[in-house]
Every structure is written in C-alpha cells, then in structure tokens.
Amino acid sequence: MQSIEQLHLHAFENGQDTYIDPESGYQVLTSQAHLKRGDCCGNSCRHCPFEYINVPKIGL
C-alpha cells in the first residue's frame, strides 16, 4: 500500500485535485486544490498549504 505522502505526490504531479485515502475510502484534497480555492477553509485539511490559519485554536 502506498503512503499518504506518495499518493498525494502522485496526484499532485498528475494535476489531480484529489486522491482516495486507502484506509477510509474518502476523497482527500491535494494542496493544489486548496491553492486553487485561495484560502484556508478552517477544517484542518490534511494538505493545507496555508498553515491552518483559519482553524480554531481549541483549549487555549
């Protein structure tokens, strides 16, 4: 089974916006898809290229 990093890299290099998580079967957005969107959505996405700036700080 390929690692998440390998799956992400393969999808990214092939211009795909998503790949399938092998454990959950869910579609996962690549960092490329997030960049097209333009900003952090605040959902703690796995490949967020915006350093999770809109993710609420819990427990502070």
C-alpha atoms as a PDB file:
ATOM      1  CA  MET A   1       0.000   0.000   0.000  1.00  0.00           C
ATOM      2  CA  GLN A   2       1.280   3.463  -0.875  1.00  0.00           C
ATOM      3  CA  SER A   3       1.799   6.012   1.872  1.00  0.00           C
ATOM      4  CA  ILE A   4      -0.353   9.135   2.073  1.00  0.00           C
ATOM      5  CA  GLU A   5       2.668  11.195   1.039  1.00  0.00           C
ATOM      6  CA  GLN A   6       3.185   9.033  -2.062  1.00  0.00           C
ATOM      7  CA  LEU A   7      -0.498   9.207  -3.002  1.00  0.00           C
ATOM      8  CA  HIS A   8      -0.521  12.993  -2.561  1.00  0.00           C
ATOM      9  CA  LEU A   9       2.652  13.445  -4.608  1.00  0.00           C
ATOM     10  CA  HIS A  10       1.357  11.215  -7.419  1.00  0.00           C
ATOM     11  CA  ALA A  11      -1.950  13.110  -7.572  1.00  0.00           C
ATOM     12  CA  PHE A  12      -0.194  16.484  -7.385  1.00  0.00           C
ATOM     13  CA  GLU A  13       2.286  15.614 -10.146  1.00  0.00           C
ATOM     14  CA  ASN A  14      -0.578  14.464 -12.378  1.00  0.00           C
ATOM     15  CA  GLY A  15      -2.615  17.634 -11.873  1.00  0.00           C
ATOM     16  CA  GLN A  16      -5.324  15.885  -9.873  1.00  0.00           C
ATOM     17  CA  ASP A  17      -7.173  17.774  -7.170  1.00  0.00           C
ATOM     18  CA  THR A  18      -7.959  14.683  -5.105  1.00  0.00           C
ATOM     19  CA  TYR A  19      -6.876  11.153  -4.274  1.00  0.00           C
ATOM     20  CA  ILE A  20      -8.575   8.353  -2.348  1.00  0.00           C
ATOM     21  CA  ASP A  21      -7.432   7.703   1.228  1.00  0.00           C
ATOM     22  CA  PRO A  22      -6.674   3.976   1.296  1.00  0.00           C
ATOM     23  CA  GLU A  23      -7.898   3.467   4.865  1.00  0.00           C
ATOM     24  CA  SER A  24     -11.148   5.440   4.853  1.00  0.00           C
ATOM     25  CA  GLY A  25     -12.023   5.422   1.159  1.00  0.00           C
ATOM     26  CA  TYR A  26     -12.704   9.172   1.339  1.00  0.00           C
ATOM     27  CA  GLN A  27     -11.534  11.661  -1.267  1.00  0.00           C
ATOM     28  CA  VAL A  28      -8.749  13.905   0.010  1.00  0.00           C
ATOM     29  CA  LEU A  29      -7.975  17.304  -1.490  1.00  0.00           C
ATOM     30  CA  THR A  30      -4.404  17.903  -2.603  1.00  0.00           C
ATOM     31  CA  SER A  31      -2.543  21.074  -1.687  1.00  0.00           C
ATOM     32  CA  GLN A  32      -3.034  22.081  -5.329  1.00  0.00           C
ATOM     33  CA  ALA A  33      -6.818  22.010  -4.880  1.00  0.00           C
ATOM     34  CA  HIS A  34      -6.515  24.177  -1.776  1.00  0.00           C
ATOM     35  CA  LEU A  35      -4.338  26.687  -3.607  1.00  0.00           C
ATOM     36  CA  LYS A  36      -6.974  26.936  -6.353  1.00  0.00           C
ATOM     37  CA  ARG A  37      -9.561  27.671  -3.654  1.00  0.00           C
ATOM     38  CA  GLY A  38      -7.424  30.539  -2.431  1.00  0.00           C
ATOM     39  CA  ASP A  39      -7.594  30.436   1.366  1.00  0.00           C
ATOM     40  CA  CYS A  40      -7.783  28.202   4.423  1.00  0.00           C
ATOM     41  CA  CYS A  41     -11.322  26.880   4.974  1.00  0.00           C
ATOM     42  CA  GLY A  42     -10.711  26.198   8.678  1.00  0.00           C
ATOM     43  CA  ASN A  43     -11.411  22.453   8.531  1.00  0.00           C
ATOM     44  CA  SER A  44      -7.886  21.197   9.412  1.00  0.00           C
ATOM     45  CA  CYS A  45      -7.421  19.700   5.958  1.00  0.00           C
ATOM     46  CA  ARG A  46      -4.595  17.186   5.662  1.00  0.00           C
ATOM     47  CA  HIS A  47      -2.631  19.064   2.976  1.00  0.00           C
ATOM     48  CA  CYS A  48      -3.441  22.672   3.897  1.00  0.00           C
ATOM     49  CA  PRO A  49      -0.840  24.940   2.270  1.00  0.00           C
ATOM     50  CA  PHE A  50      -1.990  27.909   4.372  1.00  0.00           C
ATOM     51  CA  GLU A  51      -0.601  26.693   7.721  1.00  0.00           C
ATOM     52  CA  TYR A  52      -4.141  26.203   9.113  1.00  0.00           C
ATOM     53  CA  ILE A  53      -4.580  29.953   9.699  1.00  0.00           C
ATOM     54  CA  ASN A  54      -8.380  29.745   9.963  1.00  0.00           C
ATOM     55  CA  VAL A  55      -8.529  26.623  12.136  1.00  0.00           C
ATOM     56  CA  PRO A  56      -9.920  27.483  15.594  1.00  0.00           C
ATOM     57  CA  LYS A  57      -7.436  27.137  18.449  1.00  0.00           C
ATOM     58  CA  ILE A  58      -9.069  24.710  20.879  1.00  0.00           C
ATOM     59  CA  GLY A  59      -8.151  24.646  24.541  1.00  0.00           C
ATOM     60  CA  LEU A  60      -6.354  27.978  24.684  1.00  0.00           C
END
